[in-house]
Amino acid sequence: MKVKVGVVQENPVFFDKAKTLEKIKVLTVEYSQAGCELLVFPESFIPGYPRGFTFGAKVGKRTEEGRIHYREYRENSIDLDSDDIRFLEKLSKKCNTYLVMGVTEKMKDNGSLYCSMLYISPETGLLGTHRKIKPTGTERVIWAEASGASLTTFQTKIGTLGGLICWENYMPFARMAMFQKGVQIYIAPTADSRDTWLATMQHIALEGRCFVLACNQYFTKTMYPEKYQHLLIDEPETICPGGSVIISPMGQILAGPLKNEAGVLMATLDLDEIAESKLDFDVIGHYARNDIFEFKVKDQPETKKE
């Protein structure tokens, strides 16, 4: 089976959920017309990855301005029970395209925020959500930690989808939680634009014998609203140059890396290559050595079938 995919390297309309949703609509319509059956968007594309923000937090101290920024960020985040999800579901159905969307998700019951990845099917709507199990560094100020129940995979008409967000991809057990579910298209939205990220993505493709779709944003300082510019004095003009890439199960680069510009990477994935690549290595098969190692993930759900 062959699947045409698109990795979208763009900037959101920062801290403006409504305008970002409209931008997503324009991009999805355009790239679906180019034949993409799956589109992937960057980490926290809605309402934006808040690079450079401190939210006024120091050890033992928070500021009033930081609390206001948090409230504004939360107000523009995604509620899974809202019309925002229905908007994305209708868009996916209209364009007959699967969407994997990086968002900041807000909880009604506890007020917390999660860095999440939404899987949306053109036929059945929201398949489910992966929430980052370990925010990195000061991300922990704004994003809560999710449980093993968030290590989700989905068996769809275009293959088995799964993945991890940003530095979760450096967690060997988290990767293995994806591999043991037979992930075929491994999705890695990120905010990491370092050159070393490419090596990590190639390693995961080779390790899991899966296609890897690594998606980053392209963002400059002038894209932030004027009201936040004073927070970014020490930041370079190009805050995130991107680096999105598509990689085969043999570690070969199929498209990208895309740097210093917005755009989309497209590639046609031949899923038969996955079986071929496992001739000499299969991390959950003949290389697993189950007689030596045991691996168990607490609360991880079964792969959901579409």
Protein backbone atom coordinates (compact mmCIF):
# COMPACT_ATOMS: atom_id res chain seq x y z
CA MET A 1 0.00 0.00 0.00
CA LYS A 2 1.22 3.47 -0.86
CA VAL A 3 0.28 6.60 1.08
CA LYS A 4 1.03 10.20 0.18
CA VAL A 5 1.81 12.28 3.25
CA GLY A 6 2.52 15.93 3.97
CA VAL A 7 4.53 17.42 6.83
CA VAL A 8 3.49 21.04 7.35
CA GLN A 9 6.24 23.44 8.50
CA GLU A 10 4.40 26.65 9.23
CA ASN A 11 3.77 29.23 11.93
CA PRO A 12 0.49 29.59 13.78
CA VAL A 13 -1.21 32.92 14.40
CA PHE A 14 0.35 33.02 17.82
CA PHE A 15 -2.01 32.98 20.83
CA ASP A 16 -5.01 33.28 18.47
CA LYS A 17 -6.88 29.99 18.21
CA ALA A 18 -9.60 31.21 15.85
CA LYS A 19 -7.19 32.63 13.26
CA THR A 20 -4.91 29.60 13.54
CA LEU A 21 -7.85 27.28 12.84
CA GLU A 22 -8.64 29.30 9.73
CA LYS A 23 -5.03 29.04 8.61
CA ILE A 24 -5.14 25.27 9.17
CA LYS A 25 -8.23 25.14 6.95
CA VAL A 26 -6.48 26.96 4.11
CA LEU A 27 -3.39 24.73 4.36
CA THR A 28 -5.39 21.51 4.60
CA VAL A 29 -7.50 22.34 1.57
CA GLU A 30 -4.40 23.25 -0.46
CA TYR A 31 -2.34 20.18 0.42
CA SER A 32 -5.23 17.72 0.23
CA GLN A 33 -5.81 18.92 -3.33
CA ALA A 34 -2.16 18.02 -3.96
CA GLY A 35 -3.04 14.45 -3.02
CA CYS A 36 -1.98 14.24 0.63
CA GLU A 37 -3.88 11.55 2.52
CA LEU A 38 -2.22 12.48 5.83
CA LEU A 39 -1.13 15.92 7.06
CA VAL A 40 1.01 16.45 10.17
CA PHE A 41 1.26 19.78 12.01
CA PRO A 42 3.94 20.87 14.55
CA GLU A 43 4.01 20.65 18.34
CA SER A 44 1.46 22.94 20.00
CA PHE A 45 0.57 24.50 16.66
CA ILE A 46 -2.62 25.62 18.39
CA PRO A 47 -2.13 28.16 19.92
CA GLY A 48 1.65 28.17 19.38
CA TYR A 49 4.76 26.86 21.10
CA PRO A 50 5.59 29.66 23.59
CA ARG A 51 9.34 29.77 23.01
CA GLY A 52 11.02 32.50 25.05
CA PHE A 53 8.16 32.80 27.56
CA THR A 54 8.88 32.36 31.26
CA PHE A 55 5.29 32.84 32.44
CA GLY A 56 6.86 34.82 35.25
CA ALA A 57 7.99 31.70 37.08
CA LYS A 58 11.08 31.42 39.26
CA VAL A 59 11.76 29.05 42.13
CA GLY A 60 9.57 30.35 44.94
CA LYS A 61 8.07 33.19 42.90
CA ARG A 62 5.46 33.87 40.21
CA THR A 63 4.48 37.23 38.71
CA GLU A 64 1.10 38.69 37.94
CA GLU A 65 2.09 39.26 34.31
CA GLY A 66 3.04 35.59 34.02
CA ARG A 67 -0.34 34.51 35.38
CA ILE A 68 -2.06 36.71 32.78
CA HIS A 69 0.04 35.14 30.00
CA TYR A 70 -0.94 31.68 31.27
CA ARG A 71 -4.63 32.63 31.26
CA GLU A 72 -4.35 33.98 27.70
CA TYR A 73 -2.54 30.84 26.60
CA ARG A 74 -5.17 28.65 28.23
CA GLU A 75 -8.06 30.62 26.71
CA ASN A 76 -6.65 29.92 23.23
CA SER A 77 -5.97 26.23 23.88
CA ILE A 78 -8.10 23.32 22.67
CA ASP A 79 -11.00 21.76 24.56
CA LEU A 80 -11.82 18.28 23.21
CA ASP A 81 -15.53 18.81 23.90
CA SER A 82 -15.70 22.09 21.99
CA ASP A 83 -16.65 23.23 18.50
CA ASP A 84 -12.92 23.43 17.77
CA ILE A 85 -12.75 19.65 17.47
CA ARG A 86 -15.88 19.54 15.33
CA PHE A 87 -14.27 22.15 13.06
CA LEU A 88 -11.21 19.92 12.58
CA GLU A 89 -13.33 16.81 12.12
CA LYS A 90 -15.43 18.47 9.42
CA LEU A 91 -12.28 19.76 7.73
CA SER A 92 -10.74 16.30 7.73
CA LYS A 93 -13.90 14.78 6.28
CA LYS A 94 -14.35 17.48 3.64
CA CYS A 95 -10.77 17.09 2.44
CA ASN A 96 -10.72 13.31 2.91
CA THR A 97 -7.41 13.69 4.73
CA TYR A 98 -6.17 12.37 8.05
CA LEU A 99 -4.91 15.13 10.35
CA VAL A 100 -2.39 14.81 13.16
CA MET A 101 -2.46 18.11 15.00
CA GLY A 102 -0.10 19.38 17.69
CA VAL A 103 -2.11 21.37 20.24
CA THR A 104 -2.08 22.61 23.78
CA GLU A 105 -5.11 20.96 25.33
CA LYS A 106 -7.04 22.32 28.31
CA MET A 107 -8.88 20.22 30.85
CA LYS A 108 -12.30 21.30 32.07
CA ASP A 109 -12.18 19.34 35.29
CA ASN A 110 -8.76 20.25 36.69
CA GLY A 111 -7.64 23.36 34.83
CA SER A 112 -4.35 21.82 33.68
CA LEU A 113 -2.85 22.04 30.22
CA TYR A 114 -1.29 19.21 28.23
CA CYS A 115 0.95 19.21 25.18
CA SER A 116 -1.10 16.91 22.97
CA MET A 117 -1.24 15.29 19.56
CA LEU A 118 -4.72 14.81 18.08
CA TYR A 119 -5.39 12.02 15.56
CA ILE A 120 -8.36 12.85 13.32
CA SER A 121 -9.85 10.54 10.70
CA PRO A 122 -11.90 11.72 7.70
CA GLU A 123 -14.33 8.87 8.36
CA THR A 124 -14.66 8.58 12.14
CA GLY A 125 -13.45 11.95 13.42
CA LEU A 126 -11.26 12.18 16.52
CA LEU A 127 -9.60 8.79 16.92
CA GLY A 128 -7.82 9.74 20.11
CA THR A 129 -5.15 11.83 21.77
CA HIS A 130 -1.55 11.40 22.82
CA ARG A 131 -0.52 13.68 25.68
CA LYS A 132 3.14 14.31 26.38
CA ILE A 133 4.20 12.12 29.28
CA LYS A 134 7.19 14.28 30.24
CA PRO A 135 7.42 17.99 29.41
CA THR A 136 11.02 19.15 29.13
CA GLY A 137 12.66 21.73 31.38
CA THR A 138 10.50 24.79 32.04
CA GLU A 139 7.73 23.36 29.85
CA ARG A 140 6.72 21.75 33.14
CA VAL A 141 5.52 25.15 34.33
CA ILE A 142 2.65 25.09 31.83
CA TRP A 143 2.15 21.44 30.81
CA ALA A 144 1.14 18.58 33.08
CA GLU A 145 2.44 15.00 32.75
CA ALA A 146 0.21 12.36 31.16
CA SER A 147 -0.03 8.68 32.10
CA GLY A 148 0.67 5.50 30.15
CA ALA A 149 -2.92 5.63 28.91
CA SER A 150 -1.74 8.36 26.57
CA LEU A 151 0.71 6.10 24.71
CA THR A 152 -1.80 5.56 21.93
CA THR A 153 -1.64 3.94 18.49
CA PHE A 154 -4.28 3.71 15.78
CA GLN A 155 -4.81 1.13 13.06
CA THR A 156 -6.21 3.06 10.11
CA LYS A 157 -6.79 2.59 6.39
CA ILE A 158 -3.46 4.27 5.69
CA GLY A 159 -1.46 2.22 8.19
CA THR A 160 -0.82 2.05 11.93
CA LEU A 161 -0.20 5.54 13.28
CA GLY A 162 1.59 6.48 16.49
CA GLY A 163 4.38 8.65 17.79
CA LEU A 164 5.81 10.88 20.47
CA ILE A 165 6.23 14.62 20.98
CA CYS A 166 9.63 16.33 20.98
CA TRP A 167 11.98 15.03 23.70
CA GLU A 168 9.72 12.10 24.54
CA ASN A 169 11.55 10.67 21.54
CA TYR A 170 14.71 10.49 23.67
CA MET A 171 12.96 8.14 26.12
CA PRO A 172 13.82 4.53 25.11
CA PHE A 173 10.87 2.99 26.95
CA ALA A 174 8.44 5.46 25.39
CA ARG A 175 9.74 4.57 21.93
CA MET A 176 9.44 0.88 22.72
CA ALA A 177 5.83 1.48 23.77
CA MET A 178 5.18 2.62 20.20
CA PHE A 179 7.20 -0.13 18.54
CA GLN A 180 5.49 -2.96 20.41
CA LYS A 181 2.17 -1.82 18.94
CA GLY A 182 3.51 -2.23 15.42
CA VAL A 183 3.61 1.45 14.48
CA GLN A 184 4.18 1.92 10.76
CA ILE A 185 3.98 5.71 10.43
CA TYR A 186 5.76 7.23 13.43
CA ILE A 187 4.87 10.90 13.93
CA ALA A 188 7.18 13.25 15.84
CA PRO A 189 6.04 16.87 16.13
CA THR A 190 8.71 18.94 17.84
CA ALA A 191 10.12 22.35 18.68
CA ASP A 192 13.73 21.12 18.46
CA SER A 193 15.49 22.60 15.44
CA ARG A 194 19.05 21.56 16.27
CA ASP A 195 21.08 19.68 13.69
CA THR A 196 21.31 16.72 16.10
CA TRP A 197 17.54 16.18 15.84
CA LEU A 198 17.95 14.70 12.38
CA ALA A 199 20.20 11.95 13.72
CA THR A 200 17.59 11.13 16.36
CA MET A 201 14.86 10.80 13.74
CA GLN A 202 17.03 8.57 11.55
CA HIS A 203 17.85 6.40 14.55
CA ILE A 204 14.15 5.96 15.37
CA ALA A 205 13.34 4.99 11.78
CA LEU A 206 16.10 2.37 11.81
CA GLU A 207 15.30 1.18 15.32
CA GLY A 208 11.55 0.83 14.78
CA ARG A 209 11.71 -0.05 11.07
CA CYS A 210 9.01 2.51 10.45
CA PHE A 211 8.49 5.68 8.45
CA VAL A 212 9.21 8.78 10.56
CA LEU A 213 7.45 12.09 9.96
CA ALA A 214 9.23 14.77 11.98
CA CYS A 215 7.38 18.08 11.97
CA ASN A 216 8.62 21.45 13.26
CA GLN A 217 7.40 25.01 12.91
CA TYR A 218 9.13 27.90 11.18
CA PHE A 219 8.89 30.95 13.43
CA THR A 220 10.53 34.37 13.66
CA LYS A 221 10.43 36.92 16.45
CA THR A 222 8.38 39.38 14.39
CA MET A 223 5.59 36.80 14.15
CA TYR A 224 4.82 37.30 17.84
CA PRO A 225 2.14 39.91 18.61
CA GLU A 226 3.47 43.31 19.61
CA LYS A 227 2.26 42.89 23.20
CA TYR A 228 4.74 40.04 23.74
CA GLN A 229 7.76 41.53 21.99
CA HIS A 230 9.29 42.81 25.25
CA LEU A 231 9.63 39.20 26.43
CA LEU A 232 11.92 38.30 23.53
CA ILE A 233 14.74 40.84 23.71
CA ASP A 234 17.40 38.14 24.04
CA GLU A 235 15.94 35.88 21.35
CA PRO A 236 17.37 35.74 17.79
CA GLU A 237 15.18 36.94 14.91
CA THR A 238 14.73 33.38 13.66
CA ILE A 239 13.43 31.73 16.78
CA CYS A 240 12.85 28.36 15.12
CA PRO A 241 14.30 27.62 11.66
CA GLY A 242 12.39 24.33 11.31
CA GLY A 243 14.09 21.17 10.17
CA SER A 244 11.09 19.00 9.28
CA VAL A 245 11.97 15.73 7.59
CA ILE A 246 10.49 12.46 6.28
CA ILE A 247 12.57 9.29 6.71
CA SER A 248 12.21 5.71 5.45
CA PRO A 249 12.43 2.50 7.55
CA MET A 250 16.02 2.13 6.35
CA GLY A 251 16.95 5.58 7.64
CA GLN A 252 17.01 7.24 4.24
CA ILE A 253 15.82 10.84 3.96
CA LEU A 254 12.83 10.99 1.62
CA ALA A 255 12.18 14.73 1.98
CA GLY A 256 13.86 17.59 3.80
CA PRO A 257 15.21 18.70 6.13
CA LEU A 258 13.36 21.96 5.45
CA LYS A 259 15.18 24.92 7.02
CA ASN A 260 14.63 28.66 7.33
CA GLU A 261 11.33 28.77 5.50
CA ALA A 262 7.71 27.78 5.75
CA GLY A 263 6.41 25.05 3.47
CA VAL A 264 5.36 21.44 3.23
CA LEU A 265 7.31 18.25 2.67
CA MET A 266 5.52 15.58 0.66
CA ALA A 267 6.43 11.96 0.05
CA THR A 268 4.71 8.78 -1.05
CA LEU A 269 5.31 6.03 1.48
CA ASP A 270 5.34 2.41 0.30
CA LEU A 271 4.33 0.44 3.40
CA ASP A 272 5.71 -2.76 1.85
CA GLU A 273 9.16 -1.35 2.62
CA ILE A 274 8.49 -1.92 6.32
CA ALA A 275 8.29 -5.69 5.92
CA GLU A 276 11.33 -5.67 3.65
CA SER A 277 13.36 -3.69 6.19
CA LYS A 278 12.72 -6.29 8.89
CA LEU A 279 14.73 -8.96 7.10
CA ASP A 280 17.82 -8.05 9.10
CA PHE A 281 16.37 -6.22 12.13
CA ASP A 282 13.04 -6.29 13.98
CA VAL A 283 12.99 -4.72 17.42
CA ILE A 284 9.75 -6.49 18.40
CA GLY A 285 10.45 -9.69 16.46
CA HIS A 286 13.59 -11.72 15.86
CA TYR A 287 15.81 -9.11 17.57
CA ALA A 288 13.65 -8.83 20.70
CA ARG A 289 15.21 -11.61 22.80
CA ASN A 290 12.12 -12.13 24.91
CA ASP A 291 13.94 -14.93 26.72
CA ILE A 292 16.12 -12.23 28.32
CA PHE A 293 14.06 -9.04 28.39
CA GLU A 294 10.56 -8.23 29.57
CA PHE A 295 8.80 -4.99 28.73
CA LYS A 296 5.50 -3.76 30.10
CA VAL A 297 3.78 -0.38 29.92
CA LYS A 298 1.36 0.43 32.69
CA ASP A 299 -2.09 1.44 31.42
CA GLN A 300 -1.13 1.55 27.73
CA PRO A 301 -4.31 0.97 25.69
CA GLU A 302 -4.67 -1.57 22.92
CA THR A 303 -4.23 -0.24 19.41
CA LYS A 304 -7.53 1.31 18.38
CA LYS A 305 -8.94 0.09 15.09
CA GLU A 306 -10.66 2.67 12.93
